[in-house]
Amino acid sequence: MAEPIKIVEELRKGVYILRVKSPILLEPSAADEMTKRLSDLFETGAQKVIIDMGMVNRMSSLFFRSFIIAGKKAVQNNAKMAFCHISPAIKAGFEMMKMDSFFKIYPDETKAMENI
């Protein structure tokens, strides 16, 4: 059975911070869960979401797809979604797919909170 994705969620100063605590994101069911979780946030009125990827060191393309779907939901709802603490390998994936022009990527949570 696939292990569910581990996410710690916090609401601080009107910003939802999702800290991904799973180091390896490969399971299709976990990608679906991420898509649903983010989409639900935007559909229920969240205006600012930061995804902290500090513990993630491997990720399948299904998660890039998940972030694209959620990013479109954010745009539809006039909301913002950003990332922080992305490893160099995953950042390279964002750049290769040109997702770094669609999403803001910050080096840490403090910078993300200041700029989102």
PDB file of N, CA and C in Angstrom:
ATOM      1  N   MET A   1       0.836  -1.176   0.000  1.00  0.00           N
ATOM      2  CA  MET A   1       0.000   0.000   0.000  1.00  0.00           C
ATOM      3  C   MET A   1       0.886   1.247   0.000  1.00  0.00           C
ATOM      4  N   ALA A   2       0.534   2.215  -0.789  1.00  0.00           N
ATOM      5  CA  ALA A   2       1.309   3.449  -0.907  1.00  0.00           C
ATOM      6  C   ALA A   2       1.208   4.265   0.373  1.00  0.00           C
ATOM      7  N   GLU A   3       2.333   4.841   0.731  1.00  0.00           N
ATOM      8  CA  GLU A   3       2.360   5.678   1.925  1.00  0.00           C
ATOM      9  C   GLU A   3       1.811   7.061   1.590  1.00  0.00           C
ATOM     10  N   PRO A   4       0.910   7.584   2.429  1.00  0.00           N
ATOM     11  CA  PRO A   4       0.371   8.915   2.148  1.00  0.00           C
ATOM     12  C   PRO A   4       1.448   9.994   2.314  1.00  0.00           C
ATOM     13  N   ILE A   5       1.248  11.082   1.626  1.00  0.00           N
ATOM     14  CA  ILE A   5       2.177  12.198   1.725  1.00  0.00           C
ATOM     15  C   ILE A   5       2.050  12.822   3.119  1.00  0.00           C
ATOM     16  N   LYS A   6       3.181  13.210   3.674  1.00  0.00           N
ATOM     17  CA  LYS A   6       3.174  13.830   5.006  1.00  0.00           C
ATOM     18  C   LYS A   6       3.323  15.342   4.834  1.00  0.00           C
ATOM     19  N   ILE A   7       2.309  16.080   5.290  1.00  0.00           N
ATOM     20  CA  ILE A   7       2.318  17.534   5.189  1.00  0.00           C
ATOM     21  C   ILE A   7       1.876  18.113   6.526  1.00  0.00           C
ATOM     22  N   VAL A   8       2.631  19.090   7.001  1.00  0.00           N
ATOM     23  CA  VAL A   8       2.241  19.840   8.187  1.00  0.00           C
ATOM     24  C   VAL A   8       1.749  21.193   7.694  1.00  0.00           C
ATOM     25  N   GLU A   9       0.528  21.523   8.049  1.00  0.00           N
ATOM     26  CA  GLU A   9      -0.092  22.748   7.567  1.00  0.00           C
ATOM     27  C   GLU A   9      -0.196  23.769   8.702  1.00  0.00           C
ATOM     28  N   GLU A  10       0.114  25.018   8.378  1.00  0.00           N
ATOM     29  CA  GLU A  10       0.030  26.101   9.361  1.00  0.00           C
ATOM     30  C   GLU A  10      -0.594  27.318   8.678  1.00  0.00           C
ATOM     31  N   LEU A  11      -1.421  28.032   9.417  1.00  0.00           N
ATOM     32  CA  LEU A  11      -1.971  29.301   8.944  1.00  0.00           C
ATOM     33  C   LEU A  11      -1.339  30.393   9.786  1.00  0.00           C
ATOM     34  N   ARG A  12      -0.565  31.266   9.116  1.00  0.00           N
ATOM     35  CA  ARG A  12       0.118  32.337   9.828  1.00  0.00           C
ATOM     36  C   ARG A  12      -0.067  33.652   9.070  1.00  0.00           C
ATOM     37  N   LYS A  13      -0.647  34.625   9.741  1.00  0.00           N
ATOM     38  CA  LYS A  13      -0.865  35.957   9.154  1.00  0.00           C
ATOM     39  C   LYS A  13      -1.585  35.880   7.817  1.00  0.00           C
ATOM     40  N   GLY A  14      -2.575  35.001   7.728  1.00  0.00           N
ATOM     41  CA  GLY A  14      -3.358  34.867   6.509  1.00  0.00           C
ATOM     42  C   GLY A  14      -2.701  34.046   5.407  1.00  0.00           C
ATOM     43  N   VAL A  15      -1.547  33.459   5.695  1.00  0.00           N
ATOM     44  CA  VAL A  15      -0.817  32.662   4.700  1.00  0.00           C
ATOM     45  C   VAL A  15      -0.824  31.201   5.148  1.00  0.00           C
ATOM     46  N   TYR A  16      -1.253  30.326   4.248  1.00  0.00           N
ATOM     47  CA  TYR A  16      -1.180  28.894   4.514  1.00  0.00           C
ATOM     48  C   TYR A  16       0.211  28.418   4.142  1.00  0.00           C
ATOM     49  N   ILE A  17       0.861  27.765   5.079  1.00  0.00           N
ATOM     50  CA  ILE A  17       2.187  27.202   4.840  1.00  0.00           C
ATOM     51  C   ILE A  17       2.050  25.683   4.919  1.00  0.00           C
ATOM     52  N   LEU A  18       2.398  25.021   3.829  1.00  0.00           N
ATOM     53  CA  LEU A  18       2.366  23.564   3.788  1.00  0.00           C
ATOM     54  C   LEU A  18       3.805  23.069   3.759  1.00  0.00           C
ATOM     55  N   ARG A  19       4.224  22.434   4.845  1.00  0.00           N
ATOM     56  CA  ARG A  19       5.574  21.890   4.929  1.00  0.00           C
ATOM     57  C   ARG A  19       5.516  20.410   4.574  1.00  0.00           C
ATOM     58  N   VAL A  20       6.104  20.071   3.438  1.00  0.00           N
ATOM     59  CA  VAL A  20       6.097  18.687   2.974  1.00  0.00           C
ATOM     60  C   VAL A  20       7.185  17.939   3.743  1.00  0.00           C
ATOM     61  N   LYS A  21       6.777  16.918   4.468  1.00  0.00           N
ATOM     62  CA  LYS A  21       7.697  16.167   5.334  1.00  0.00           C
ATOM     63  C   LYS A  21       8.083  14.808   4.755  1.00  0.00           C
ATOM     64  N   SER A  22       7.696  14.549   3.523  1.00  0.00           N
ATOM     65  CA  SER A  22       8.060  13.301   2.848  1.00  0.00           C
ATOM     66  C   SER A  22       9.272  13.575   1.964  1.00  0.00           C
ATOM     67  N   PRO A  23      10.388  12.882   2.183  1.00  0.00           N
ATOM     68  CA  PRO A  23      11.585  13.152   1.388  1.00  0.00           C
ATOM     69  C   PRO A  23      11.505  12.685  -0.066  1.00  0.00           C
ATOM     70  N   ILE A  24      10.665  11.683  -0.315  1.00  0.00           N
ATOM     71  CA  ILE A  24      10.543  11.139  -1.671  1.00  0.00           C
ATOM     72  C   ILE A  24       9.075  11.175  -2.077  1.00  0.00           C
ATOM     73  N   LEU A  25       8.803  11.863  -3.174  1.00  0.00           N
ATOM     74  CA  LEU A  25       7.436  12.003  -3.669  1.00  0.00           C
ATOM     75  C   LEU A  25       7.338  11.321  -5.030  1.00  0.00           C
ATOM     76  N   LEU A  26       6.923  10.070  -5.011  1.00  0.00           N
ATOM     77  CA  LEU A  26       6.858   9.292  -6.247  1.00  0.00           C
ATOM     78  C   LEU A  26       5.486   8.673  -6.504  1.00  0.00           C
ATOM     79  N   GLU A  27       4.704   8.462  -5.477  1.00  0.00           N
ATOM     80  CA  GLU A  27       3.444   7.736  -5.592  1.00  0.00           C
ATOM     81  C   GLU A  27       2.356   8.544  -6.283  1.00  0.00           C
ATOM     82  N   PRO A  28       1.707   7.979  -7.294  1.00  0.00           N
ATOM     83  CA  PRO A  28       0.597   8.679  -7.962  1.00  0.00           C
ATOM     84  C   PRO A  28      -0.513   9.085  -6.988  1.00  0.00           C
ATOM     85  N   SER A  29      -0.823   8.230  -6.023  1.00  0.00           N
ATOM     86  CA  SER A  29      -1.886   8.564  -5.070  1.00  0.00           C
ATOM     87  C   SER A  29      -1.494   9.767  -4.203  1.00  0.00           C
ATOM     88  N   ALA A  30      -0.211   9.902  -3.886  1.00  0.00           N
ATOM     89  CA  ALA A  30       0.254  11.049  -3.105  1.00  0.00           C
ATOM     90  C   ALA A  30       0.171  12.329  -3.940  1.00  0.00           C
ATOM     91  N   ALA A  31       0.453  12.236  -5.230  1.00  0.00           N
ATOM     92  CA  ALA A  31       0.324  13.399  -6.116  1.00  0.00           C
ATOM     93  C   ALA A  31      -1.137  13.829  -6.203  1.00  0.00           C
ATOM     94  N   ASP A  32      -2.042  12.850  -6.302  1.00  0.00           N
ATOM     95  CA  ASP A  32      -3.474  13.161  -6.322  1.00  0.00           C
ATOM     96  C   ASP A  32      -3.898  13.837  -5.022  1.00  0.00           C
ATOM     97  N   GLU A  33      -3.370  13.340  -3.915  1.00  0.00           N
ATOM     98  CA  GLU A  33      -3.681  13.921  -2.607  1.00  0.00           C
ATOM     99  C   GLU A  33      -3.181  15.371  -2.527  1.00  0.00           C
ATOM    100  N   MET A  34      -1.991  15.628  -3.063  1.00  0.00           N
ATOM    101  CA  MET A  34      -1.448  16.990  -3.074  1.00  0.00           C
ATOM    102  C   MET A  34      -2.330  17.910  -3.920  1.00  0.00           C
ATOM    103  N   THR A  35      -2.730  17.432  -5.089  1.00  0.00           N
ATOM    104  CA  THR A  35      -3.600  18.222  -5.960  1.00  0.00           C
ATOM    105  C   THR A  35      -4.895  18.575  -5.240  1.00  0.00           C
ATOM    106  N   LYS A  36      -5.500  17.586  -4.608  1.00  0.00           N
ATOM    107  CA  LYS A  36      -6.767  17.809  -3.903  1.00  0.00           C
ATOM    108  C   LYS A  36      -6.583  18.783  -2.746  1.00  0.00           C
ATOM    109  N   ARG A  37      -5.549  18.596  -1.978  1.00  0.00           N
ATOM    110  CA  ARG A  37      -5.315  19.454  -0.811  1.00  0.00           C
ATOM    111  C   ARG A  37      -5.139  20.917  -1.221  1.00  0.00           C
ATOM    112  N   LEU A  38      -4.323  21.157  -2.239  1.00  0.00           N
ATOM    113  CA  LEU A  38      -4.098  22.516  -2.704  1.00  0.00           C
ATOM    114  C   LEU A  38      -5.352  23.102  -3.353  1.00  0.00           C
ATOM    115  N   SER A  39      -6.007  22.323  -4.193  1.00  0.00           N
ATOM    116  CA  SER A  39      -7.228  22.803  -4.852  1.00  0.00           C
ATOM    117  C   SER A  39      -8.294  23.162  -3.823  1.00  0.00           C
ATOM    118  N   ASP A  40      -8.448  22.311  -2.805  1.00  0.00           N
ATOM    119  CA  ASP A  40      -9.423  22.584  -1.748  1.00  0.00           C
ATOM    120  C   ASP A  40      -9.112  23.891  -1.027  1.00  0.00           C
ATOM    121  N   LEU A  41      -7.842  24.158  -0.782  1.00  0.00           N
ATOM    122  CA  LEU A  41      -7.465  25.415  -0.125  1.00  0.00           C
ATOM    123  C   LEU A  41      -7.930  26.615  -0.940  1.00  0.00           C
ATOM    124  N   PHE A  42      -7.642  26.589  -2.239  1.00  0.00           N
ATOM    125  CA  PHE A  42      -8.012  27.723  -3.089  1.00  0.00           C
ATOM    126  C   PHE A  42      -9.524  27.835  -3.260  1.00  0.00           C
ATOM    127  N   GLU A  43     -10.201  26.693  -3.346  1.00  0.00           N
ATOM    128  CA  GLU A  43     -11.653  26.720  -3.516  1.00  0.00           C
ATOM    129  C   GLU A  43     -12.376  27.198  -2.264  1.00  0.00           C
ATOM    130  N   THR A  44     -11.742  27.069  -1.108  1.00  0.00           N
ATOM    131  CA  THR A  44     -12.372  27.525   0.135  1.00  0.00           C
ATOM    132  C   THR A  44     -11.895  28.910   0.558  1.00  0.00           C
ATOM    133  N   GLY A  45     -11.192  29.594  -0.341  1.00  0.00           N
ATOM    134  CA  GLY A  45     -10.885  30.996  -0.085  1.00  0.00           C
ATOM    135  C   GLY A  45      -9.466  31.349   0.305  1.00  0.00           C
ATOM    136  N   ALA A  46      -8.558  30.392   0.361  1.00  0.00           N
ATOM    137  CA  ALA A  46      -7.164  30.729   0.667  1.00  0.00           C
ATOM    138  C   ALA A  46      -6.631  31.663  -0.416  1.00  0.00           C
ATOM    139  N   GLN A  47      -5.963  32.739  -0.007  1.00  0.00           N
ATOM    140  CA  GLN A  47      -5.434  33.709  -0.956  1.00  0.00           C
ATOM    141  C   GLN A  47      -3.924  33.620  -1.124  1.00  0.00           C
ATOM    142  N   LYS A  48      -3.249  33.032  -0.135  1.00  0.00           N
ATOM    143  CA  LYS A  48      -1.791  32.918  -0.191  1.00  0.00           C
ATOM    144  C   LYS A  48      -1.378  31.557   0.366  1.00  0.00           C
ATOM    145  N   VAL A  49      -0.605  30.817  -0.438  1.00  0.00           N
ATOM    146  CA  VAL A  49      -0.141  29.490  -0.034  1.00  0.00           C
ATOM    147  C   VAL A  49       1.344  29.381  -0.347  1.00  0.00           C
ATOM    148  N   ILE A  50       2.104  28.949   0.645  1.00  0.00           N
ATOM    149  CA  ILE A  50       3.534  28.679   0.475  1.00  0.00           C
ATOM    150  C   ILE A  50       3.742  27.187   0.693  1.00  0.00           C
ATOM    151  N   ILE A  51       4.450  26.564  -0.226  1.00  0.00           N
ATOM    152  CA  ILE A  51       4.780  25.148  -0.094  1.00  0.00           C
ATOM    153  C   ILE A  51       6.266  25.052   0.217  1.00  0.00           C
ATOM    154  N   ASP A  52       6.567  24.580   1.419  1.00  0.00           N
ATOM    155  CA  ASP A  52       7.946  24.422   1.877  1.00  0.00           C
ATOM    156  C   ASP A  52       8.407  23.008   1.510  1.00  0.00           C
ATOM    157  N   MET A  53       9.368  22.943   0.600  1.00  0.00           N
ATOM    158  CA  MET A  53       9.848  21.664   0.081  1.00  0.00           C
ATOM    159  C   MET A  53      11.197  21.272   0.687  1.00  0.00           C
ATOM    160  N   GLY A  54      11.530  21.825   1.839  1.00  0.00           N
ATOM    161  CA  GLY A  54      12.840  21.646   2.442  1.00  0.00           C
ATOM    162  C   GLY A  54      13.268  20.213   2.684  1.00  0.00           C
ATOM    163  N   MET A  55      12.337  19.319   2.904  1.00  0.00           N
ATOM    164  CA  MET A  55      12.706  17.925   3.174  1.00  0.00           C
ATOM    165  C   MET A  55      12.661  17.044   1.925  1.00  0.00           C
ATOM    166  N   VAL A  56      12.169  17.577   0.821  1.00  0.00           N
ATOM    167  CA  VAL A  56      11.986  16.772  -0.398  1.00  0.00           C
ATOM    168  C   VAL A  56      13.278  16.737  -1.197  1.00  0.00           C
ATOM    169  N   ASN A  57      13.739  15.524  -1.514  1.00  0.00           N
ATOM    170  CA  ASN A  57      14.943  15.423  -2.335  1.00  0.00           C
ATOM    171  C   ASN A  57      14.719  14.664  -3.642  1.00  0.00           C
ATOM    172  N   ARG A  58      13.550  14.022  -3.787  1.00  0.00           N
ATOM    173  CA  ARG A  58      13.181  13.363  -5.053  1.00  0.00           C
ATOM    174  C   ARG A  58      11.692  13.543  -5.268  1.00  0.00           C
ATOM    175  N   MET A  59      11.330  13.790  -6.545  1.00  0.00           N
ATOM    176  CA  MET A  59       9.932  14.048  -6.832  1.00  0.00           C
ATOM    177  C   MET A  59       9.625  13.608  -8.259  1.00  0.00           C
ATOM    178  N   SER A  60       8.506  12.938  -8.450  1.00  0.00           N
ATOM    179  CA  SER A  60       8.113  12.506  -9.794  1.00  0.00           C
ATOM    180  C   SER A  60       7.454  13.661 -10.541  1.00  0.00           C
ATOM    181  N   SER A  61       7.345  13.492 -11.836  1.00  0.00           N
ATOM    182  CA  SER A  61       6.709  14.519 -12.670  1.00  0.00           C
ATOM    183  C   SER A  61       5.238  14.689 -12.335  1.00  0.00           C
ATOM    184  N   LEU A  62       4.628  13.698 -11.701  1.00  0.00           N
ATOM    185  CA  LEU A  62       3.232  13.821 -11.298  1.00  0.00           C
ATOM    186  C   LEU A  62       3.030  14.977 -10.319  1.00  0.00           C
ATOM    187  N   PHE A  63       4.042  15.266  -9.525  1.00  0.00           N
ATOM    188  CA  PHE A  63       3.920  16.382  -8.576  1.00  0.00           C
ATOM    189  C   PHE A  63       4.048  17.723  -9.287  1.00  0.00           C
ATOM    190  N   PHE A  64       4.852  17.782 -10.334  1.00  0.00           N
ATOM    191  CA  PHE A  64       4.894  19.007 -11.129  1.00  0.00           C
ATOM    192  C   PHE A  64       3.504  19.264 -11.712  1.00  0.00           C
ATOM    193  N   ARG A  65       2.880  18.207 -12.210  1.00  0.00           N
ATOM    194  CA  ARG A  65       1.513  18.314 -12.743  1.00  0.00           C
ATOM    195  C   ARG A  65       0.557  18.796 -11.657  1.00  0.00           C
ATOM    196  N   SER A  66       0.685  18.236 -10.462  1.00  0.00           N
ATOM    197  CA  SER A  66      -0.150  18.633  -9.332  1.00  0.00           C
ATOM    198  C   SER A  66      -0.018  20.133  -9.057  1.00  0.00           C
ATOM    199  N   PHE A  67       1.223  20.626  -9.088  1.00  0.00           N
ATOM    200  CA  PHE A  67       1.450  22.048  -8.814  1.00  0.00           C
ATOM    201  C   PHE A  67       0.894  22.931  -9.925  1.00  0.00           C
ATOM    202  N   ILE A  68       0.950  22.452 -11.167  1.00  0.00           N
ATOM    203  CA  ILE A  68       0.385  23.213 -12.279  1.00  0.00           C
ATOM    204  C   ILE A  68      -1.133  23.326 -12.123  1.00  0.00           C
ATOM    205  N   ILE A  69      -1.782  22.217 -11.801  1.00  0.00           N
ATOM    206  CA  ILE A  69      -3.238  22.232 -11.601  1.00  0.00           C
ATOM    207  C   ILE A  69      -3.600  23.188 -10.463  1.00  0.00           C
ATOM    208  N   ALA A  70      -2.880  23.091  -9.353  1.00  0.00           N
ATOM    209  CA  ALA A  70      -3.156  23.971  -8.207  1.00  0.00           C
ATOM    210  C   ALA A  70      -2.869  25.426  -8.554  1.00  0.00           C
ATOM    211  N   GLY A  71      -1.806  25.657  -9.323  1.00  0.00           N
ATOM    212  CA  GLY A  71      -1.479  27.020  -9.733  1.00  0.00           C
ATOM    213  C   GLY A  71      -2.578  27.631 -10.574  1.00  0.00           C
ATOM    214  N   LYS A  72      -3.181  26.831 -11.437  1.00  0.00           N
ATOM    215  CA  LYS A  72      -4.307  27.318 -12.244  1.00  0.00           C
ATOM    216  C   LYS A  72      -5.500  27.643 -11.361  1.00  0.00           C
ATOM    217  N   LYS A  73      -5.740  26.811 -10.336  1.00  0.00           N
ATOM    218  CA  LYS A  73      -6.827  27.093  -9.377  1.00  0.00           C
ATOM    219  C   LYS A  73      -6.553  28.403  -8.654  1.00  0.00           C
ATOM    220  N   ALA A  74      -5.298  28.619  -8.287  1.00  0.00           N
ATOM    221  CA  ALA A  74      -4.934  29.861  -7.604  1.00  0.00           C
ATOM    222  C   ALA A  74      -5.246  31.058  -8.495  1.00  0.00           C
ATOM    223  N   VAL A  75      -4.854  30.993  -9.751  1.00  0.00           N
ATOM    224  CA  VAL A  75      -5.107  32.093 -10.691  1.00  0.00           C
ATOM    225  C   VAL A  75      -6.610  32.323 -10.839  1.00  0.00           C
ATOM    226  N   GLN A  76      -7.383  31.258 -10.970  1.00  0.00           N
ATOM    227  CA  GLN A  76      -8.839  31.376 -11.098  1.00  0.00           C
ATOM    228  C   GLN A  76      -9.459  32.082  -9.899  1.00  0.00           C
ATOM    229  N   ASN A  77      -8.833  31.919  -8.732  1.00  0.00           N
ATOM    230  CA  ASN A  77      -9.366  32.490  -7.496  1.00  0.00           C
ATOM    231  C   ASN A  77      -8.605  33.743  -7.052  1.00  0.00           C
ATOM    232  N   ASN A  78      -7.824  34.312  -7.968  1.00  0.00           N
ATOM    233  CA  ASN A  78      -7.026  35.516  -7.662  1.00  0.00           C
ATOM    234  C   ASN A  78      -6.160  35.323  -6.422  1.00  0.00           C
ATOM    235  N   ALA A  79      -5.591  34.144  -6.286  1.00  0.00           N
ATOM    236  CA  ALA A  79      -4.744  33.803  -5.149  1.00  0.00           C
ATOM    237  C   ALA A  79      -3.299  33.644  -5.620  1.00  0.00           C
ATOM    238  N   LYS A  80      -2.404  33.474  -4.646  1.00  0.00           N
ATOM    239  CA  LYS A  80      -0.981  33.306  -4.948  1.00  0.00           C
ATOM    240  C   LYS A  80      -0.472  32.014  -4.315  1.00  0.00           C
ATOM    241  N   MET A  81       0.447  31.376  -5.052  1.00  0.00           N
ATOM    242  CA  MET A  81       1.086  30.160  -4.560  1.00  0.00           C
ATOM    243  C   MET A  81       2.578  30.292  -4.823  1.00  0.00           C
ATOM    244  N   ALA A  82       3.378  30.002  -3.817  1.00  0.00           N
ATOM    245  CA  ALA A  82       4.828  30.112  -3.950  1.00  0.00           C
ATOM    246  C   ALA A  82       5.486  28.910  -3.278  1.00  0.00           C
ATOM    247  N   PHE A  83       6.775  28.753  -3.561  1.00  0.00           N
ATOM    248  CA  PHE A  83       7.556  27.651  -3.002  1.00  0.00           C
ATOM    249  C   PHE A  83       8.775  28.194  -2.274  1.00  0.00           C
ATOM    250  N   CYS A  84       9.254  27.416  -1.312  1.00  0.00           N
ATOM    251  CA  CYS A  84      10.523  27.753  -0.666  1.00  0.00           C
ATOM    252  C   CYS A  84      11.278  26.478  -0.325  1.00  0.00           C
ATOM    253  N   HIS A  85      12.570  26.663  -0.047  1.00  0.00           N
ATOM    254  CA  HIS A  85      13.459  25.556   0.327  1.00  0.00           C
ATOM    255  C   HIS A  85      13.486  24.439  -0.718  1.00  0.00           C
ATOM    256  N   ILE A  86      13.525  24.784  -1.981  1.00  0.00           N
ATOM    257  CA  ILE A  86      13.555  23.762  -3.032  1.00  0.00           C
ATOM    258  C   ILE A  86      15.003  23.331  -3.269  1.00  0.00           C
ATOM    259  N   SER A  87      15.217  22.023  -3.316  1.00  0.00           N
ATOM    260  CA  SER A  87      16.564  21.505  -3.558  1.00  0.00           C
ATOM    261  C   SER A  87      17.015  21.881  -4.972  1.00  0.00           C
ATOM    262  N   PRO A  88      18.329  21.930  -5.206  1.00  0.00           N
ATOM    263  CA  PRO A  88      18.824  22.262  -6.552  1.00  0.00           C
ATOM    264  C   PRO A  88      18.284  21.330  -7.643  1.00  0.00           C
ATOM    265  N   ALA A  89      18.159  20.050  -7.346  1.00  0.00           N
ATOM    266  CA  ALA A  89      17.667  19.094  -8.353  1.00  0.00           C
ATOM    267  C   ALA A  89      16.208  19.365  -8.712  1.00  0.00           C
ATOM    268  N   ILE A  90      15.394  19.633  -7.712  1.00  0.00           N
ATOM    269  CA  ILE A  90      13.975  19.898  -7.978  1.00  0.00           C
ATOM    270  C   ILE A  90      13.809  21.270  -8.627  1.00  0.00           C
ATOM    271  N   LYS A  91      14.623  22.230  -8.223  1.00  0.00           N
ATOM    272  CA  LYS A  91      14.577  23.552  -8.853  1.00  0.00           C
ATOM    273  C   LYS A  91      14.928  23.434 -10.335  1.00  0.00           C
ATOM    274  N   ALA A  92      15.869  22.575 -10.659  1.00  0.00           N
ATOM    275  CA  ALA A  92      16.236  22.348 -12.060  1.00  0.00           C
ATOM    276  C   ALA A  92      15.033  21.808 -12.842  1.00  0.00           C
ATOM    277  N   GLY A  93      14.230  20.956 -12.198  1.00  0.00           N
ATOM    278  CA  GLY A  93      13.008  20.458 -12.833  1.00  0.00           C
ATOM    279  C   GLY A  93      12.020  21.586 -13.091  1.00  0.00           C
ATOM    280  N   PHE A  94      11.854  22.477 -12.120  1.00  0.00           N
ATOM    281  CA  PHE A  94      10.988  23.640 -12.301  1.00  0.00           C
ATOM    282  C   PHE A  94      11.474  24.484 -13.476  1.00  0.00           C
ATOM    283  N   GLU A  95      12.783  24.694 -13.551  1.00  0.00           N
ATOM    284  CA  GLU A  95      13.355  25.515 -14.622  1.00  0.00           C
ATOM    285  C   GLU A  95      13.218  24.828 -15.980  1.00  0.00           C
ATOM    286  N   MET A  96      13.467  23.532 -16.033  1.00  0.00           N
ATOM    287  CA  MET A  96      13.383  22.791 -17.281  1.00  0.00           C
ATOM    288  C   MET A  96      11.966  22.840 -17.852  1.00  0.00           C
ATOM    289  N   MET A  97      10.969  22.797 -16.974  1.00  0.00           N
ATOM    290  CA  MET A  97       9.571  22.836 -17.402  1.00  0.00           C
ATOM    291  C   MET A  97       9.034  24.267 -17.513  1.00  0.00           C
ATOM    292  N   LYS A  98       9.908  25.228 -17.293  1.00  0.00           N
ATOM    293  CA  LYS A  98       9.543  26.658 -17.350  1.00  0.00           C
ATOM    294  C   LYS A  98       8.528  27.034 -16.273  1.00  0.00           C
ATOM    295  N   MET A  99       8.446  26.234 -15.216  1.00  0.00           N
ATOM    296  CA  MET A  99       7.523  26.521 -14.126  1.00  0.00           C
ATOM    297  C   MET A  99       8.042  27.636 -13.228  1.00  0.00           C
ATOM    298  N   ASP A 100       9.341  27.935 -13.309  1.00  0.00           N
ATOM    299  CA  ASP A 100       9.898  28.999 -12.480  1.00  0.00           C
ATOM    300  C   ASP A 100       9.423  30.376 -12.942  1.00  0.00           C
ATOM    301  N   SER A 101       8.854  30.455 -14.159  1.00  0.00           N
ATOM    302  CA  SER A 101       8.283  31.723 -14.603  1.00  0.00           C
ATOM    303  C   SER A 101       6.815  31.838 -14.178  1.00  0.00           C
ATOM    304  N   PHE A 102       6.205  30.731 -13.812  1.00  0.00           N
ATOM    305  CA  PHE A 102       4.811  30.701 -13.372  1.00  0.00           C
ATOM    306  C   PHE A 102       4.701  30.829 -11.851  1.00  0.00           C
ATOM    307  N   PHE A 103       5.650  30.235 -11.134  1.00  0.00           N
ATOM    308  CA  PHE A 103       5.643  30.244  -9.667  1.00  0.00           C
ATOM    309  C   PHE A 103       6.833  31.029  -9.134  1.00  0.00           C
ATOM    310  N   LYS A 104       6.626  31.705  -8.028  1.00  0.00           N
ATOM    311  CA  LYS A 104       7.720  32.350  -7.310  1.00  0.00           C
ATOM    312  C   LYS A 104       8.381  31.288  -6.439  1.00  0.00           C
ATOM    313  N   ILE A 105       9.703  31.283  -6.458  1.00  0.00           N
ATOM    314  CA  ILE A 105      10.479  30.347  -5.645  1.00  0.00           C
ATOM    315  C   ILE A 105      11.409  31.172  -4.771  1.00  0.00           C
ATOM    316  N   TYR A 106      11.318  30.968  -3.467  1.00  0.00           N
ATOM    317  CA  TYR A 106      12.110  31.729  -2.510  1.00  0.00           C
ATOM    318  C   TYR A 106      13.091  30.802  -1.795  1.00  0.00           C
ATOM    319  N   PRO A 107      14.220  31.356  -1.363  1.00  0.00           N
ATOM    320  CA  PRO A 107      15.222  30.497  -0.715  1.00  0.00           C
ATOM    321  C   PRO A 107      14.766  29.957   0.636  1.00  0.00           C
ATOM    322  N   ASP A 108      13.911  30.713   1.333  1.00  0.00           N
ATOM    323  CA  ASP A 108      13.458  30.267   2.651  1.00  0.00           C
ATOM    324  C   ASP A 108      12.063  30.801   2.940  1.00  0.00           C
ATOM    325  N   GLU A 109      11.495  30.339   4.032  1.00  0.00           N
ATOM    326  CA  GLU A 109      10.130  30.700   4.416  1.00  0.00           C
ATOM    327  C   GLU A 109      10.008  32.187   4.745  1.00  0.00           C
ATOM    328  N   THR A 110      11.019  32.756   5.364  1.00  0.00           N
ATOM    329  CA  THR A 110      10.989  34.176   5.720  1.00  0.00           C
ATOM    330  C   THR A 110      10.839  35.040   4.476  1.00  0.00           C
ATOM    331  N   LYS A 111      11.657  34.787   3.458  1.00  0.00           N
ATOM    332  CA  LYS A 111      11.576  35.544   2.198  1.00  0.00           C
ATOM    333  C   LYS A 111      10.226  35.321   1.531  1.00  0.00           C
ATOM    334  N   ALA A 112       9.726  34.100   1.580  1.00  0.00           N
ATOM    335  CA  ALA A 112       8.430  33.809   0.974  1.00  0.00           C
ATOM    336  C   ALA A 112       7.325  34.594   1.680  1.00  0.00           C
ATOM    337  N   MET A 113       7.347  34.624   3.006  1.00  0.00           N
ATOM    338  CA  MET A 113       6.342  35.362   3.783  1.00  0.00           C
ATOM    339  C   MET A 113       6.410  36.858   3.485  1.00  0.00           C
ATOM    340  N   GLU A 114       7.593  37.388   3.305  1.00  0.00           N
ATOM    341  CA  GLU A 114       7.768  38.821   3.038  1.00  0.00           C
ATOM    342  C   GLU A 114       7.256  39.205   1.659  1.00  0.00           C
ATOM    343  N   ASN A 115       7.290  38.278   0.706  1.00  0.00           N
ATOM    344  CA  ASN A 115       7.031  38.624  -0.687  1.00  0.00           C
ATOM    345  C   ASN A 115       5.744  38.080  -1.302  1.00  0.00           C
ATOM    346  N   ILE A 116       5.079  37.179  -0.629  1.00  0.00           N
ATOM    347  CA  ILE A 116       3.868  36.602  -1.244  1.00  0.00           C
ATOM    348  C   ILE A 116       2.696  37.570  -1.133  1.00  0.00           C
TER     349      ILE A 116
END
